[in-house]
Amino acid sequence: MNKTYRVLSIDAWRGRDGYTWNAWYDVGDIDADAIHWNARKLLKYFRDNGFLTQKSAGKCAIDDDQYNIVIIERSTRRPLFAIEYGVDN
């Protein structure tokens, strides 16, 4: 069986210093190899699998906080989804 990591949907509040995760929800799993994919491939996976809309192309970016790979809105830096890989890293 392949190792997987949880995919989280993020509910975040904006503050003076950026966004704070208010709540997060388990919305699926992704193969562990995904944490080594480049940003383009990772964002394509999230679009192709219904996490992001096709209209999100070019509007999202990747941020890695060394615990989660976070998909963020490029214009606001609002976190949308995360791959939680740091639980056993």
C-alpha atoms as a PDB file:
ATOM      1  CA  MET A   1       0.000   0.000   0.000  1.00  0.00           C
ATOM      2  CA  ASN A   2       1.328   3.448  -0.935  1.00  0.00           C
ATOM      3  CA  LYS A   3       1.898   6.019   1.785  1.00  0.00           C
ATOM      4  CA  THR A   4      -0.499   8.960   1.664  1.00  0.00           C
ATOM      5  CA  TYR A   5      -0.906  12.321   3.358  1.00  0.00           C
ATOM      6  CA  ARG A   6      -4.101  14.121   4.317  1.00  0.00           C
ATOM      7  CA  VAL A   7      -5.453  16.922   2.135  1.00  0.00           C
ATOM      8  CA  LEU A   8      -7.025  19.668   4.244  1.00  0.00           C
ATOM      9  CA  SER A   9      -9.495  22.379   3.304  1.00  0.00           C
ATOM     10  CA  ILE A  10      -8.604  25.513   5.257  1.00  0.00           C
ATOM     11  CA  ASP A  11     -10.884  28.098   6.823  1.00  0.00           C
ATOM     12  CA  ALA A  12      -8.662  31.077   7.629  1.00  0.00           C
ATOM     13  CA  TRP A  13      -9.159  34.510   9.159  1.00  0.00           C
ATOM     14  CA  ARG A  14      -7.255  37.537   7.969  1.00  0.00           C
ATOM     15  CA  GLY A  15      -5.404  39.570  10.554  1.00  0.00           C
ATOM     16  CA  ARG A  16      -2.835  42.343  10.481  1.00  0.00           C
ATOM     17  CA  ASP A  17       0.016  39.877  10.082  1.00  0.00           C
ATOM     18  CA  GLY A  18      -1.620  37.661   7.465  1.00  0.00           C
ATOM     19  CA  TYR A  19      -3.951  34.706   7.794  1.00  0.00           C
ATOM     20  CA  THR A  20      -4.547  32.437  10.782  1.00  0.00           C
ATOM     21  CA  TRP A  21      -6.013  29.001  10.277  1.00  0.00           C
ATOM     22  CA  ASN A  22      -9.341  29.039  12.074  1.00  0.00           C
ATOM     23  CA  ALA A  23     -10.341  25.471  11.180  1.00  0.00           C
ATOM     24  CA  TRP A  24      -9.310  22.758   8.748  1.00  0.00           C
ATOM     25  CA  TYR A  25     -11.200  19.807   7.381  1.00  0.00           C
ATOM     26  CA  ASP A  26      -9.967  16.480   6.045  1.00  0.00           C
ATOM     27  CA  VAL A  27     -11.126  16.326   2.409  1.00  0.00           C
ATOM     28  CA  GLY A  28      -9.046  13.452   1.066  1.00  0.00           C
ATOM     29  CA  ASP A  29      -5.646  11.875   0.699  1.00  0.00           C
ATOM     30  CA  ILE A  30      -2.794  12.278  -1.749  1.00  0.00           C
ATOM     31  CA  ASP A  31       0.124   9.999  -2.573  1.00  0.00           C
ATOM     32  CA  ALA A  32       3.191  10.862  -0.491  1.00  0.00           C
ATOM     33  CA  ASP A  33       5.256  11.440  -3.639  1.00  0.00           C
ATOM     34  CA  ALA A  34       3.196  14.593  -4.258  1.00  0.00           C
ATOM     35  CA  ILE A  35       5.271  16.571  -1.755  1.00  0.00           C
ATOM     36  CA  HIS A  36       8.155  16.326  -4.240  1.00  0.00           C
ATOM     37  CA  TRP A  37       6.172  17.544  -7.259  1.00  0.00           C
ATOM     38  CA  ASN A  38       6.833  20.970  -8.693  1.00  0.00           C
ATOM     39  CA  ALA A  39       4.207  23.679  -8.169  1.00  0.00           C
ATOM     40  CA  ARG A  40       2.733  23.380 -11.664  1.00  0.00           C
ATOM     41  CA  LYS A  41       2.115  19.634 -11.349  1.00  0.00           C
ATOM     42  CA  LEU A  42       0.702  19.966  -7.837  1.00  0.00           C
ATOM     43  CA  LEU A  43      -1.712  22.752  -8.780  1.00  0.00           C
ATOM     44  CA  LYS A  44      -2.803  20.780 -11.859  1.00  0.00           C
ATOM     45  CA  TYR A  45      -3.549  17.788  -9.633  1.00  0.00           C
ATOM     46  CA  PHE A  46      -5.699  19.964  -7.352  1.00  0.00           C
ATOM     47  CA  ARG A  47      -7.598  21.339 -10.374  1.00  0.00           C
ATOM     48  CA  ASP A  48      -7.988  17.949 -12.081  1.00  0.00           C
ATOM     49  CA  ASN A  49      -9.322  16.380  -8.885  1.00  0.00           C
ATOM     50  CA  GLY A  50     -11.907  19.059  -8.118  1.00  0.00           C
ATOM     51  CA  PHE A  51     -10.230  20.803  -5.198  1.00  0.00           C
ATOM     52  CA  LEU A  52      -9.624  23.923  -7.312  1.00  0.00           C
ATOM     53  CA  THR A  53     -11.662  25.111 -10.269  1.00  0.00           C
ATOM     54  CA  GLN A  54     -10.141  25.283 -13.740  1.00  0.00           C
ATOM     55  CA  LYS A  55     -10.513  29.083 -13.478  1.00  0.00           C
ATOM     56  CA  SER A  56      -7.950  29.058 -10.660  1.00  0.00           C
ATOM     57  CA  ALA A  57      -5.095  28.495 -13.134  1.00  0.00           C
ATOM     58  CA  GLY A  58      -2.517  31.241 -12.639  1.00  0.00           C
ATOM     59  CA  LYS A  59      -4.270  32.512  -9.504  1.00  0.00           C
ATOM     60  CA  CYS A  60      -2.784  30.123  -6.938  1.00  0.00           C
ATOM     61  CA  ALA A  61       0.682  29.460  -5.589  1.00  0.00           C
ATOM     62  CA  ILE A  62       2.423  27.045  -3.254  1.00  0.00           C
ATOM     63  CA  ASP A  63       3.829  27.814   0.191  1.00  0.00           C
ATOM     64  CA  ASP A  64       5.709  25.207   2.248  1.00  0.00           C
ATOM     65  CA  ASP A  65       5.819  25.878   5.989  1.00  0.00           C
ATOM     66  CA  GLN A  66       7.897  22.724   6.622  1.00  0.00           C
ATOM     67  CA  TYR A  67       4.809  20.980   8.041  1.00  0.00           C
ATOM     68  CA  ASN A  68       2.240  21.573   5.298  1.00  0.00           C
ATOM     69  CA  ILE A  69       2.404  22.312   1.614  1.00  0.00           C
ATOM     70  CA  VAL A  70      -0.207  25.047   1.375  1.00  0.00           C
ATOM     71  CA  ILE A  71      -2.098  26.089  -1.739  1.00  0.00           C
ATOM     72  CA  ILE A  72      -2.702  29.834  -1.453  1.00  0.00           C
ATOM     73  CA  GLU A  73      -4.493  32.524  -3.441  1.00  0.00           C
ATOM     74  CA  ARG A  74      -1.713  34.410  -5.181  1.00  0.00           C
ATOM     75  CA  SER A  75      -3.347  37.862  -4.831  1.00  0.00           C
ATOM     76  CA  THR A  76      -4.201  37.690  -1.118  1.00  0.00           C
ATOM     77  CA  ARG A  77      -2.018  34.817   0.161  1.00  0.00           C
ATOM     78  CA  ARG A  78      -5.176  33.301   1.686  1.00  0.00           C
ATOM     79  CA  PRO A  79      -4.625  29.586   2.374  1.00  0.00           C
ATOM     80  CA  LEU A  80      -7.097  27.318   0.570  1.00  0.00           C
ATOM     81  CA  PHE A  81      -5.835  23.749   0.908  1.00  0.00           C
ATOM     82  CA  ALA A  82      -2.888  21.963   2.466  1.00  0.00           C
ATOM     83  CA  ILE A  83      -1.095  18.669   2.290  1.00  0.00           C
ATOM     84  CA  GLU A  84      -0.247  17.732   5.861  1.00  0.00           C
ATOM     85  CA  TYR A  85       3.093  15.960   5.523  1.00  0.00           C
ATOM     86  CA  GLY A  86       4.887  16.978   8.723  1.00  0.00           C
ATOM     87  CA  VAL A  87       3.093  14.618  11.068  1.00  0.00           C
ATOM     88  CA  ASP A  88       5.823  12.010  10.659  1.00  0.00           C
ATOM     89  CA  ASN A  89       8.473  13.984   8.838  1.00  0.00           C
END
